[in-house]
Amino acid sequence: QVQLVESGGGLVQPGGSLKLSCTASGFTLEKDYYAIGWFRQAPGKEREVLSCISSSDGSTFVENSVKGRFTISKDNAMNTVSLEMTNLQLTDTAIYSCAAGHWGGLIGSLCPGMNYWGKGTLVTVSS
């Protein structure tokens, strides 16, 4: 059974950095063809995609809105996918969730079609 557990959320000051981690179980990053992505949902707003990565070869997609500030990566040994966030702003406050789904091999399909979701971790940016 595929399970995803996020960690690393918390309180951070504007301009600060934070690294979120998504630990996967039920599949192996190095061996299986999955896409894993990070999404967020701020209060009163719709959920938005941030960045996604291939579990096998490490191909990535990053939304233009956060490109240059957010970086996704994976650690095969730990079976985790991380999202490093820098220069955080008040508008980055949201519940951040990781998700996973089978990947067909196209960069454009890395983010759509997620089937499994974690419970999310809250990131609060405040001075």
Protein backbone atom coordinates (compact mmCIF):
# COMPACT_ATOMS: atom_id res chain seq x y z
CA GLN A 1 0.00 0.00 0.00
CA VAL A 2 1.41 3.37 -1.03
CA GLN A 3 1.72 5.84 1.80
CA LEU A 4 3.21 9.32 1.89
CA VAL A 5 4.13 11.19 5.04
CA GLU A 6 5.22 14.82 5.02
CA SER A 7 7.44 16.44 7.60
CA GLY A 8 9.39 19.64 8.11
CA GLY A 9 6.63 22.19 8.28
CA GLY A 10 6.61 24.92 10.86
CA LEU A 11 7.06 28.61 11.46
CA VAL A 12 9.59 30.57 9.45
CA GLN A 13 10.30 34.28 9.10
CA PRO A 14 9.92 36.13 5.79
CA GLY A 15 13.03 35.68 3.71
CA GLY A 16 13.87 32.46 5.48
CA SER A 17 14.23 28.93 4.19
CA LEU A 18 12.61 25.63 4.99
CA LYS A 19 13.02 22.09 3.74
CA LEU A 20 10.09 19.71 3.57
CA SER A 21 10.41 15.95 3.28
CA CYS A 22 8.04 13.33 1.93
CA THR A 23 8.76 9.79 3.00
CA ALA A 24 7.27 7.16 0.70
CA SER A 25 6.39 3.58 1.47
CA GLY A 26 4.80 0.89 -0.65
CA PHE A 27 7.13 1.57 -3.57
CA THR A 28 10.82 2.15 -4.13
CA LEU A 29 11.96 5.41 -5.70
CA GLU A 30 14.94 3.91 -7.45
CA LYS A 31 13.14 0.93 -8.97
CA ASP A 32 9.56 1.98 -9.71
CA TYR A 33 8.19 4.44 -12.27
CA TYR A 34 6.35 6.95 -10.13
CA ALA A 35 5.93 10.67 -10.19
CA ILE A 36 6.07 12.45 -6.84
CA GLY A 37 5.00 16.03 -6.46
CA TRP A 38 4.60 18.83 -3.98
CA PHE A 39 1.41 20.86 -3.86
CA ARG A 40 0.08 23.54 -1.57
CA GLN A 41 -3.23 25.04 -0.59
CA ALA A 42 -3.46 28.40 1.11
CA PRO A 43 -6.51 29.48 3.12
CA GLY A 44 -9.35 30.40 0.80
CA LYS A 45 -7.45 29.38 -2.33
CA GLU A 46 -7.39 26.37 -4.61
CA ARG A 47 -4.65 23.79 -4.46
CA GLU A 48 -1.73 24.53 -6.75
CA VAL A 49 1.10 22.43 -8.10
CA LEU A 50 4.63 23.37 -7.14
CA SER A 51 7.10 20.81 -8.40
CA CYS A 52 7.26 17.16 -9.38
CA ILE A 53 9.99 14.60 -9.88
CA SER A 54 10.41 11.19 -11.45
CA SER A 55 11.19 8.48 -8.94
CA SER A 56 13.44 6.63 -11.36
CA ASP A 57 15.64 9.03 -13.34
CA GLY A 58 15.09 12.24 -11.39
CA SER A 59 13.47 14.28 -14.17
CA THR A 60 11.80 17.36 -12.72
CA PHE A 61 9.14 19.93 -13.41
CA VAL A 62 8.89 23.23 -11.56
CA GLU A 63 6.06 25.72 -11.80
CA ASN A 64 7.19 29.09 -13.08
CA SER A 65 5.66 30.83 -10.09
CA VAL A 66 8.18 29.24 -7.72
CA LYS A 67 11.04 28.49 -10.08
CA GLY A 68 14.29 29.79 -8.64
CA ARG A 69 13.00 29.65 -5.06
CA PHE A 70 11.78 26.07 -4.68
CA THR A 71 13.91 23.04 -5.51
CA ILE A 72 12.77 19.43 -5.52
CA SER A 73 15.10 16.49 -4.99
CA LYS A 74 15.05 12.85 -4.00
CA ASP A 75 17.10 10.61 -1.76
CA ASN A 76 16.98 7.01 -2.91
CA ALA A 77 18.58 5.66 0.25
CA MET A 78 15.97 7.32 2.45
CA ASN A 79 13.14 6.83 -0.08
CA THR A 80 12.19 10.46 0.34
CA VAL A 81 11.41 13.45 -1.85
CA SER A 82 12.25 16.87 -0.49
CA LEU A 83 11.24 20.40 -1.33
CA GLU A 84 13.69 23.12 -0.37
CA MET A 85 12.06 26.52 -0.17
CA THR A 86 13.98 29.78 0.00
CA ASN A 87 13.12 33.46 0.33
CA LEU A 88 9.76 32.56 1.81
CA GLN A 89 7.06 35.20 1.82
CA LEU A 90 3.80 35.67 3.70
CA THR A 91 1.92 34.42 0.65
CA ASP A 92 3.73 31.10 0.89
CA THR A 93 1.78 30.24 4.02
CA ALA A 94 -0.18 27.09 3.21
CA ILE A 95 -0.63 23.42 3.84
CA TYR A 96 1.97 21.62 1.77
CA SER A 97 1.22 18.11 0.58
CA CYS A 98 3.09 15.50 -1.38
CA ALA A 99 1.43 13.18 -3.86
CA ALA A 100 2.38 10.27 -6.08
CA GLY A 101 1.14 8.47 -9.15
CA HIS A 102 2.33 6.16 -11.88
CA TRP A 103 4.44 7.92 -14.48
CA GLY A 104 4.37 7.21 -18.20
CA GLY A 105 7.69 8.86 -19.00
CA LEU A 106 6.72 12.34 -20.21
CA ILE A 107 7.82 15.49 -18.40
CA GLY A 108 4.44 17.06 -19.01
CA SER A 109 2.73 14.21 -17.20
CA LEU A 110 4.83 14.36 -14.04
CA CYS A 111 2.32 16.43 -12.08
CA PRO A 112 -1.14 15.42 -13.38
CA GLY A 113 -2.71 12.13 -12.42
CA MET A 114 -1.68 11.87 -8.79
CA ASN A 115 -3.43 9.01 -7.03
CA TYR A 116 -1.94 8.99 -3.54
CA TRP A 117 -1.78 11.92 -1.16
CA GLY A 118 -0.20 12.64 2.17
CA LYS A 119 -2.01 14.43 4.96
CA GLY A 120 0.03 17.59 4.53
CA THR A 121 2.26 19.74 6.69
CA LEU A 122 1.59 23.34 7.63
CA VAL A 123 4.07 26.04 6.69
CA THR A 124 3.50 29.41 8.32
CA VAL A 125 5.53 32.40 7.20
CA SER A 126 5.30 35.19 9.73
CA SER A 127 7.47 37.77 11.42
